[in-house]
Protein backbone atom coordinates (compact mmCIF):
# COMPACT_ATOMS: atom_id res chain seq x y z
CA MET A 1 0.00 0.00 0.00
CA ILE A 2 1.16 3.50 -0.84
CA ILE A 3 0.01 6.69 0.88
CA HIS A 4 1.44 9.79 -0.78
CA GLN A 5 0.98 13.43 0.16
CA PHE A 6 0.99 16.19 -2.46
CA TYR A 7 1.62 19.61 -0.93
CA ASP A 8 0.92 22.99 -2.49
CA LYS A 9 2.89 25.45 -0.37
CA GLY A 10 1.19 28.51 -1.87
CA LEU A 11 -2.22 27.45 -0.60
CA ALA A 12 -0.82 25.34 2.25
CA HIS A 13 -2.98 22.55 0.83
CA ALA A 14 -2.34 18.82 1.21
CA SER A 15 -3.99 16.24 -1.01
CA TYR A 16 -3.41 12.50 -1.05
CA ALA A 17 -3.17 9.38 -3.16
CA VAL A 18 -3.82 5.92 -1.75
CA ILE A 19 -2.67 3.04 -3.97
CA ARG A 20 -3.28 -0.66 -3.49
CA MET A 21 -2.84 -3.41 -6.10
CA GLY A 22 -2.96 -1.13 -9.11
CA LYS A 23 -5.90 0.97 -7.95
CA MET A 24 -5.66 4.55 -6.71
CA ILE A 25 -7.98 6.90 -4.86
CA VAL A 26 -7.30 10.65 -4.67
CA ILE A 27 -8.39 12.61 -1.59
CA ASP A 28 -9.11 16.37 -1.73
CA PRO A 29 -7.35 17.07 -5.07
CA GLY A 30 -6.18 20.55 -6.09
CA ARG A 31 -7.14 22.32 -9.32
CA ASP A 32 -4.41 20.82 -11.56
CA PRO A 33 -5.00 17.08 -11.88
CA GLY A 34 -1.77 16.44 -13.81
CA GLN A 35 0.22 15.51 -10.71
CA TYR A 36 -2.26 12.75 -9.83
CA TYR A 37 -2.23 11.33 -13.36
CA ASP A 38 1.56 11.32 -13.34
CA PHE A 39 1.74 9.61 -9.96
CA ALA A 40 -0.76 6.96 -11.01
CA ALA A 41 1.16 6.26 -14.23
CA PHE A 42 4.50 6.08 -12.39
CA ASN A 43 3.07 3.47 -10.04
CA GLY A 44 1.16 1.57 -12.71
CA ALA A 45 -2.19 2.35 -11.11
CA ASP A 46 -5.63 3.34 -12.35
CA ILE A 47 -7.49 6.17 -10.61
CA THR A 48 -10.78 4.60 -9.55
CA GLY A 49 -12.06 7.09 -7.02
CA VAL A 50 -11.91 10.67 -5.73
CA ILE A 51 -13.03 11.59 -2.20
CA GLU A 52 -13.98 15.12 -1.20
CA THR A 53 -14.04 15.67 2.57
CA HIS A 54 -16.18 18.80 2.07
CA PRO A 55 -16.64 21.60 -0.50
CA HIS A 56 -13.41 23.52 0.01
CA ALA A 57 -13.42 27.28 0.48
CA ASP A 58 -9.76 28.12 -0.15
CA PHE A 59 -9.02 26.29 -3.41
CA VAL A 60 -10.77 24.79 -6.41
CA SER A 61 -10.81 21.01 -6.66
CA SER A 62 -10.36 18.92 -9.82
CA HIS A 63 -12.68 16.11 -8.70
CA LEU A 64 -15.07 16.56 -11.63
CA GLU A 65 -12.29 16.75 -14.21
CA ILE A 66 -10.66 13.60 -12.82
CA LYS A 67 -13.98 11.76 -13.13
CA GLN A 68 -14.49 13.00 -16.69
CA THR A 69 -10.95 11.99 -17.68
CA THR A 70 -10.57 8.65 -15.88
CA GLY A 71 -14.11 7.49 -15.17
CA ALA A 72 -13.35 7.51 -11.42
CA THR A 73 -16.25 7.64 -8.97
CA ILE A 74 -16.53 10.78 -6.82
CA TYR A 75 -17.45 10.18 -3.18
CA THR A 76 -18.64 12.91 -0.82
CA GLY A 77 -21.05 13.38 2.07
CA LYS A 78 -24.74 13.57 1.22
CA LEU A 79 -25.09 16.88 3.10
CA VAL A 80 -22.82 18.60 0.55
CA GLY A 81 -25.70 18.75 -1.91
CA ALA A 82 -23.24 18.18 -4.75
CA THR A 83 -24.70 18.71 -8.21
CA TYR A 84 -21.98 16.69 -10.00
CA PRO A 85 -22.32 12.89 -10.44
CA HIS A 86 -21.23 11.23 -7.19
CA GLU A 87 -21.91 8.55 -4.61
CA SER A 88 -22.76 9.49 -1.04
CA PHE A 89 -20.06 8.66 1.50
CA ASP A 90 -21.18 8.96 5.11
CA ASP A 91 -21.10 7.18 8.48
CA GLY A 92 -21.17 3.42 7.88
CA ASP A 93 -20.13 3.64 4.21
CA THR A 94 -16.99 1.86 3.05
CA ILE A 95 -14.95 2.00 -0.14
CA GLN A 96 -13.02 -1.19 -0.84
CA LEU A 97 -9.70 -0.61 -2.60
CA ALA A 98 -8.47 -4.10 -3.44
CA ASP A 99 -8.06 -5.60 0.07
CA ILE A 100 -8.01 -2.36 2.09
CA ASN A 101 -10.95 -0.25 3.23
CA LEU A 102 -11.69 3.46 3.45
CA LYS A 103 -14.48 4.18 5.95
CA ALA A 104 -16.46 7.43 6.16
CA ILE A 105 -16.85 9.27 9.47
CA ASN A 106 -19.15 12.29 9.55
CA THR A 107 -17.27 15.04 11.40
CA PRO A 108 -19.24 18.30 11.06
CA GLY A 109 -17.85 21.48 12.59
CA HIS A 110 -15.54 23.18 10.14
CA SER A 111 -18.48 22.83 7.80
CA PRO A 112 -21.85 21.11 8.32
CA ASP A 113 -20.97 18.55 5.63
CA SER A 114 -17.40 17.59 6.61
CA ILE A 115 -16.30 13.97 6.67
CA SER A 116 -13.08 12.24 7.73
CA ILE A 117 -11.78 8.99 6.25
CA LEU A 118 -10.45 6.06 8.27
CA LEU A 119 -8.09 3.76 6.37
CA GLN A 120 -7.91 0.08 7.36
CA ASP A 121 -5.08 -2.00 5.93
CA GLU A 122 -5.30 -5.51 4.47
CA ASN A 123 -5.35 -7.00 7.98
CA GLY A 124 -8.25 -4.81 9.11
CA TYR A 125 -5.85 -2.68 11.17
CA ASP A 126 -6.80 1.00 11.64
CA LYS A 127 -3.83 2.76 10.10
CA ALA A 128 -4.57 6.36 9.04
CA LEU A 129 -7.16 9.10 9.25
CA PHE A 130 -7.61 11.70 6.52
CA THR A 131 -9.16 14.56 8.48
CA GLY A 132 -9.84 17.18 5.80
CA ASP A 133 -10.29 20.49 7.61
CA THR A 134 -11.61 18.98 10.84
CA LEU A 135 -8.28 18.25 12.56
CA PHE A 136 -4.90 19.75 11.67
CA VAL A 137 -1.52 19.22 13.24
CA GLY A 138 -1.68 21.48 16.27
CA ASP A 139 -5.06 22.97 15.40
CA VAL A 140 -8.64 22.32 14.30
CA GLY A 141 -10.74 23.74 11.47
CA ARG A 142 -12.30 27.15 11.91
CA PRO A 143 -16.12 27.09 12.26
CA ASP A 144 -16.95 30.50 10.79
CA LEU A 145 -16.76 29.94 7.02
CA ARG A 146 -20.22 28.54 6.33
CA GLU A 147 -22.58 31.12 7.76
CA ASN A 148 -23.65 32.32 4.31
CA THR A 149 -22.40 29.82 1.71
CA GLY A 150 -23.04 26.25 0.64
CA THR A 151 -26.16 24.11 0.55
CA LEU A 152 -26.13 23.99 4.33
CA THR A 153 -25.32 27.08 6.35
CA ALA A 154 -24.90 27.41 10.09
CA LYS A 155 -23.83 30.04 12.58
CA LYS A 156 -20.27 29.75 13.81
CA GLU A 157 -21.39 29.02 17.37
CA GLU A 158 -23.49 26.09 16.18
CA LEU A 159 -20.67 24.74 14.04
CA ALA A 160 -18.20 25.15 16.91
CA ARG A 161 -20.45 22.96 19.04
CA GLN A 162 -20.66 20.37 16.27
CA LEU A 163 -16.87 20.46 15.99
CA TYR A 164 -16.51 19.85 19.74
CA HIS A 165 -18.67 16.72 19.49
CA SER A 166 -16.99 15.50 16.30
CA LEU A 167 -13.61 15.74 17.97
CA HIS A 168 -14.61 14.22 21.30
CA GLU A 169 -16.95 11.51 20.06
CA LYS A 170 -15.49 10.56 16.67
CA ILE A 171 -11.76 11.39 16.53
CA MET A 172 -10.29 11.58 20.04
CA VAL A 173 -11.61 8.09 20.85
CA LEU A 174 -9.61 6.49 18.01
CA PRO A 175 -6.43 4.48 18.75
CA HIS A 176 -3.42 6.68 19.49
CA HIS A 177 -1.19 5.11 16.82
CA ILE A 178 -3.37 6.22 13.89
CA VAL A 179 -1.55 8.61 11.56
CA VAL A 180 -3.36 11.92 10.97
CA TYR A 181 -3.24 13.33 7.44
CA PRO A 182 -4.85 16.81 7.31
CA ALA A 183 -5.82 18.87 4.26
CA HIS A 184 -3.78 21.91 5.30
CA GLY A 185 -0.52 23.04 6.87
CA PRO A 186 0.85 26.31 8.31
CA GLY A 187 -0.22 29.44 6.48
CA SER A 188 -3.68 28.17 5.60
CA LEU A 189 -6.57 30.45 6.52
CA CYS A 190 -8.72 27.43 7.43
CA GLY A 191 -7.21 27.44 10.93
CA LYS A 192 -5.24 29.76 13.19
CA ASN A 193 -2.42 27.82 14.89
CA MET A 194 -1.17 25.02 12.64
CA SER A 195 2.11 23.24 13.24
CA ALA A 196 4.86 23.16 10.64
CA ASP A 197 4.49 19.38 10.54
CA LEU A 198 2.26 17.97 7.81
CA GLN A 199 1.25 14.75 9.55
CA SER A 200 0.85 13.55 13.11
CA THR A 201 -0.85 10.84 15.19
CA ILE A 202 -3.98 10.81 17.29
CA GLY A 203 -1.83 10.31 20.37
CA ARG A 204 0.39 13.27 19.65
CA GLU A 205 -2.57 15.55 18.98
CA LEU A 206 -4.20 14.51 22.24
CA LYS A 207 -1.04 15.62 24.04
CA GLU A 208 -0.07 18.72 22.09
CA ASN A 209 -3.07 20.18 20.25
CA TYR A 210 -4.48 23.12 22.26
CA ALA A 211 -8.00 22.44 21.00
CA LEU A 212 -8.03 18.83 22.24
CA GLN A 213 -7.13 19.60 25.85
CA PRO A 214 -9.70 19.04 28.61
CA MET A 215 -12.31 21.79 28.59
CA SER A 216 -16.06 22.21 28.58
CA GLU A 217 -18.08 22.67 25.42
CA GLU A 218 -18.68 26.32 26.33
CA GLU A 219 -14.96 26.93 26.86
CA PHE A 220 -14.18 25.27 23.53
CA VAL A 221 -16.74 27.35 21.62
CA LYS A 222 -15.46 30.61 23.08
CA MET A 223 -11.83 29.72 22.41
CA ILE A 224 -12.24 28.40 18.88
CA ILE A 225 -14.27 31.37 17.66
CA ALA A 226 -11.81 33.94 19.02
CA ASP A 227 -9.03 35.46 16.91
CA GLN A 228 -9.73 33.61 13.68
CA PRO A 229 -7.91 35.08 10.65
CA LEU A 230 -9.50 37.04 7.82
CA ILE A 231 -12.02 35.44 5.47
CA PRO A 232 -10.92 36.21 1.90
CA ALA A 233 -13.56 37.41 -0.55
CA TYR A 234 -13.22 34.31 -2.72
CA PHE A 235 -14.00 31.68 -0.06
CA GLY A 236 -17.77 31.59 -0.58
CA PHE A 237 -17.28 31.58 -4.34
CA ASP A 238 -15.03 28.53 -4.17
CA VAL A 239 -17.46 26.62 -1.94
CA ASP A 240 -20.20 27.09 -4.53
CA LEU A 241 -17.87 26.27 -7.45
CA ASN A 242 -16.67 23.08 -5.77
CA LYS A 243 -20.25 22.07 -5.05
CA LYS A 244 -20.98 21.92 -8.79
CA GLY A 245 -17.50 21.09 -10.09
CA ALA A 246 -15.01 23.35 -11.89
CA PRO A 247 -14.21 23.36 -15.62
CA ALA A 248 -11.15 21.45 -16.82
CA PHE A 249 -7.92 23.12 -15.70
CA GLN A 250 -5.84 23.33 -18.88
CA GLN A 251 -8.86 24.09 -21.06
CA SER A 252 -9.76 26.97 -18.76
CA ILE A 253 -6.16 28.23 -18.75
CA ASN A 254 -6.03 28.15 -22.55
CA ALA A 255 -9.23 30.21 -22.73
CA VAL A 256 -7.68 33.17 -20.87
CA PRO A 257 -7.40 36.07 -23.36
CA ARG A 258 -3.82 37.11 -24.12
CA SER A 259 -3.01 40.59 -25.39
CA ASP A 260 -0.01 42.54 -26.58
CA ASN A 261 1.29 45.30 -24.37
CA HIS A 262 -0.20 48.08 -26.50
CA ILE A 263 -3.65 47.36 -25.12
CA VAL A 264 -5.99 50.20 -24.18
CA PHE A 265 -7.17 49.34 -20.67
CA ALA A 266 -10.89 49.50 -20.06
CA LYS A 267 -11.89 52.18 -17.55
CA GLU A 268 -12.64 51.02 -14.01
CA THR A 269 -11.21 47.53 -14.69
CA LEU A 270 -8.56 46.52 -12.18
CA ILE A 271 -4.95 46.02 -13.28
CA ILE A 272 -2.85 43.51 -11.32
CA ASP A 273 0.89 43.93 -11.87
CA THR A 274 2.69 40.86 -10.53
CA ARG A 275 6.28 42.08 -10.99
CA PRO A 276 8.65 42.62 -8.03
CA LYS A 277 8.03 45.96 -6.35
CA VAL A 278 11.50 47.22 -7.28
CA GLU A 279 10.52 46.95 -10.94
CA PHE A 280 7.00 48.22 -10.31
CA ARG A 281 8.32 51.37 -8.65
CA LYS A 282 10.49 52.17 -11.69
CA GLY A 283 7.41 52.36 -13.90
CA HIS A 284 3.88 50.95 -14.05
CA VAL A 285 0.46 51.56 -15.52
CA ASN A 286 -1.43 54.28 -13.72
CA GLY A 287 -3.78 52.75 -11.15
CA ALA A 288 -2.17 49.29 -11.21
CA ILE A 289 -2.08 47.21 -8.03
CA ASN A 290 1.32 45.71 -7.27
CA LEU A 291 0.45 42.20 -6.13
CA GLN A 292 3.80 40.48 -6.45
CA ASP A 293 4.03 36.84 -7.46
CA ASN A 294 5.10 35.00 -4.32
CA GLU A 295 3.99 31.95 -2.35
CA LYS A 296 0.74 33.56 -1.19
CA PHE A 297 -0.18 35.33 -4.42
CA GLU A 298 -3.43 33.45 -4.99
CA THR A 299 -4.68 34.00 -1.43
CA TRP A 300 -4.05 37.74 -1.55
CA LEU A 301 -5.54 37.99 -5.04
CA GLY A 302 -8.75 36.45 -3.72
CA SER A 303 -8.63 38.67 -0.64
CA ILE A 304 -8.33 41.96 -2.53
CA ILE A 305 -10.48 41.21 -5.57
CA ASN A 306 -14.11 40.10 -5.38
CA PRO A 307 -15.30 37.05 -7.34
CA ASP A 308 -17.43 39.21 -9.65
CA GLU A 309 -14.63 41.62 -10.65
CA GLN A 310 -12.66 41.45 -13.87
CA PHE A 311 -8.99 42.38 -14.01
CA TYR A 312 -5.96 42.60 -16.27
CA LEU A 313 -2.96 40.48 -15.32
CA ILE A 314 0.57 41.74 -16.02
CA ALA A 315 3.89 39.89 -15.71
CA ALA A 316 7.49 40.51 -16.79
CA ASP A 317 7.81 37.61 -19.28
CA TYR A 318 5.78 34.76 -20.75
CA GLU A 319 6.98 32.14 -18.28
CA LYS A 320 6.00 34.31 -15.32
CA LEU A 321 2.70 35.17 -16.97
CA ASP A 322 1.89 31.48 -17.39
CA THR A 323 2.75 30.90 -13.72
CA VAL A 324 0.44 33.60 -12.36
CA ILE A 325 -2.41 32.53 -14.65
CA LYS A 326 -2.16 29.02 -13.23
CA LYS A 327 -2.06 30.38 -9.68
CA THR A 328 -5.14 32.46 -10.46
CA ALA A 329 -6.90 29.31 -11.63
CA LYS A 330 -6.23 27.58 -8.31
CA ILE A 331 -8.91 29.79 -6.76
CA GLY A 332 -11.18 29.81 -9.83
CA TYR A 333 -10.37 33.39 -10.85
CA GLU A 334 -8.96 32.64 -14.31
CA GLN A 335 -12.37 33.38 -15.81
CA ASN A 336 -12.13 36.90 -14.34
CA ILE A 337 -9.01 37.77 -16.36
CA LYS A 338 -10.02 40.29 -19.00
CA ALA A 339 -6.58 39.97 -20.61
CA ALA A 340 -3.15 38.68 -19.64
CA LEU A 341 -0.15 40.55 -21.00
CA LEU A 342 3.49 41.48 -20.54
CA PHE A 343 4.63 44.73 -18.98
CA SER A 344 5.08 47.62 -21.38
CA GLU A 345 8.23 49.71 -21.07
CA ASN A 346 6.07 52.70 -22.02
CA ALA A 347 4.26 52.61 -18.69
CA ASP A 348 5.51 55.82 -17.11
CA LYS A 349 3.78 56.11 -13.75
CA LEU A 350 6.53 56.19 -11.11
CA SER A 351 6.34 55.49 -7.37
CA THR A 352 7.28 58.24 -4.93
CA ASP A 353 10.56 57.75 -3.06
CA MET A 354 10.53 58.16 0.69
CA ASN A 355 13.04 60.06 2.83
CA PHE A 356 13.36 57.61 5.73
CA SER A 357 15.42 59.92 7.96
CA VAL A 358 12.78 62.65 7.79
CA PHE A 359 10.08 60.10 8.64
CA GLU A 360 12.08 58.72 11.57
CA ASP A 361 12.57 62.19 13.01
CA HIS A 362 8.93 63.22 12.72
CA PRO A 363 6.54 60.28 12.18
CA GLU A 364 3.74 62.43 13.59
CA ASN A 365 3.85 64.49 10.40
CA TYR A 366 2.56 61.53 8.40
CA THR A 367 -0.71 59.62 8.24
CA ILE A 368 0.43 56.05 8.91
CA ILE A 369 -1.70 53.18 7.61
CA ASP A 370 -1.22 49.76 9.25
CA VAL A 371 -2.51 47.10 6.82
CA ARG A 372 -1.73 44.04 8.94
CA ASN A 373 -4.45 41.57 9.94
CA PRO A 374 -6.58 42.32 13.04
CA SER A 375 -4.89 39.53 15.03
CA GLU A 376 -1.51 41.13 14.35
CA ILE A 377 -2.73 44.60 15.17
CA ASN A 378 -4.25 43.32 18.44
CA THR A 379 -0.77 42.39 19.64
CA GLY A 380 0.15 46.08 19.50
CA LYS A 381 0.63 48.89 17.00
CA LEU A 382 4.11 49.84 15.82
CA PHE A 383 3.04 53.49 15.67
CA ASN A 384 0.52 54.68 18.23
CA HIS A 385 -1.25 57.07 15.89
CA ALA A 386 -1.48 54.60 12.97
CA LEU A 387 -4.82 54.04 11.28
CA ALA A 388 -5.53 50.29 11.16
CA ILE A 389 -7.04 49.15 7.85
CA PRO A 390 -6.33 45.47 7.03
CA LEU A 391 -5.34 44.99 3.39
CA PRO A 392 -8.51 43.07 2.37
CA GLU A 393 -10.61 46.03 3.60
CA LEU A 394 -8.50 48.78 2.07
CA ARG A 395 -10.24 49.26 -1.30
CA GLY A 396 -13.55 49.77 0.50
CA ARG A 397 -12.15 52.12 3.13
CA LEU A 398 -10.10 54.64 1.17
CA HIS A 399 -12.57 57.30 2.32
CA ASP A 400 -11.34 56.73 5.90
CA ILE A 401 -7.87 58.02 5.07
CA PRO A 402 -7.33 61.72 5.88
CA LEU A 403 -5.65 63.78 3.19
CA ASP A 404 -3.98 66.48 5.30
CA LYS A 405 -0.56 64.77 5.54
CA PRO A 406 1.68 62.54 3.40
CA ILE A 407 0.72 58.87 3.76
CA VAL A 408 3.03 56.05 4.87
CA VAL A 409 1.87 52.43 4.60
CA HIS A 410 3.29 49.49 6.52
CA CYS A 411 2.64 45.80 7.18
CA ALA A 412 4.97 43.30 8.88
CA GLY A 413 7.46 42.60 6.11
CA GLY A 414 6.80 44.63 2.98
CA TYR A 415 4.65 42.43 0.73
CA ARG A 416 1.23 43.68 1.80
CA SER A 417 2.40 47.28 2.13
CA ALA A 418 3.56 47.24 -1.50
CA ALA A 419 0.08 46.19 -2.61
CA ALA A 420 -1.60 48.64 -0.23
CA CYS A 421 0.61 51.56 -1.27
CA SER A 422 -0.25 50.95 -4.93
CA ILE A 423 -3.98 50.76 -4.13
CA ILE A 424 -3.91 54.08 -2.27
CA ALA A 425 -1.60 55.86 -4.74
CA GLY A 426 -3.80 54.72 -7.62
CA LYS A 427 -6.76 56.59 -6.16
CA ILE A 428 -5.18 59.47 -4.21
CA ASN A 429 -3.09 61.92 -6.20
CA ALA A 430 -3.21 65.05 -4.05
CA ILE A 431 -0.52 63.96 -1.57
CA PRO A 432 2.50 61.63 -1.60
CA VAL A 433 1.97 57.96 -0.69
CA TYR A 434 5.00 56.07 0.62
CA ASP A 435 5.70 52.39 1.32
CA LEU A 436 7.70 51.73 4.49
CA GLY A 437 8.47 48.30 3.02
CA GLU A 438 11.09 46.08 4.70
CA ALA A 439 12.21 49.03 6.83
CA VAL A 440 9.31 48.16 9.11
CA LEU A 441 11.41 45.30 10.49
CA GLY A 442 13.57 47.85 12.30
CA TYR A 443 10.54 49.22 14.11
CA MET A 444 9.37 45.75 15.13
CA VAL A 445 12.66 45.15 16.97
CA HIS A 446 12.33 48.22 19.17
């Protein structure tokens, strides 16, 4: 038997292949199915099934495409209300893969329709648990993502209670040796305190996971709801897309309109420039947002841009352009791209340079915008008079920024402040807008 984990660091997403005697089942696949086809071929296996632990909010799954390509059966809980062809997979249901079994366990809490999957080996020995977003290494799934999306909705308090019972009655009672394989690792917005490890055991989690320590249901609900991270704009969109099944990955990528760099940009359509900020500052299209291509590009794209907004996508060369288009597709936003193109050297909008010594001497002479997340801001501001506007809220709160002083933007490392500075400077021309950038690290030490 083979259990293999595929890990997408950008989305902190883990998917899995289970192979036994030439048959393979994929669990919680990402948008690009190519890696699963390649792994099956390398191991001489046929993909016979795909299991979805729930309709994911943070990425688009390829379950429907895998079925259409391989003929595999899709299994998911009946409460999902999936509109794609599938077989229900709930408490008491078993999938036989040659001489091993995959058993469904309904574990609502992160979502009302979540399931976990218990793997029994050829000797009937409980070996592994694929927990989806119910249990992570060092954390549990957040219960506040399904208040307004999906076939079933529930208030976060109700889901937190369901999660408490799922953990205590379904998962924590399992043998300690069972290996835990979660759907996410550190950096995912589906939890708040994940370990750097990408697998664990039931026994280890009982000892080390803060959410599995002895406490009452009321204590658990209060704790698990508190201090959850932001909910990106695209999460509800992805739940609904995964409920019906996304279009084929490569076909959808190929359909993205490409343009030469002499394009006339449509008014009021967003422009996303993915080049490094050093290059962006030397010249860019007026009004462009500098969302640099890095490990978290797709998450921030879906946090800043709403699912119903079109945008242009700019990169420095064709290879980089292809990369960011594929990242955009991971969250289902490739259909929002009005045109993808290379940067034009004729773009002549320059960023304003900042005099750091003047700022250090008199920070009170500037309007300082702190675009970190609320949980970061709650640990303390770096500048007492800073105006806190988290990056995902910035486009809707530009009217909150006073215009009587030059503006300085900061985050915790420079990535978010580059995007925020470009958003503000694209709309406010009357006063200078500066990016504190990596220099913020010096203030965090003091």
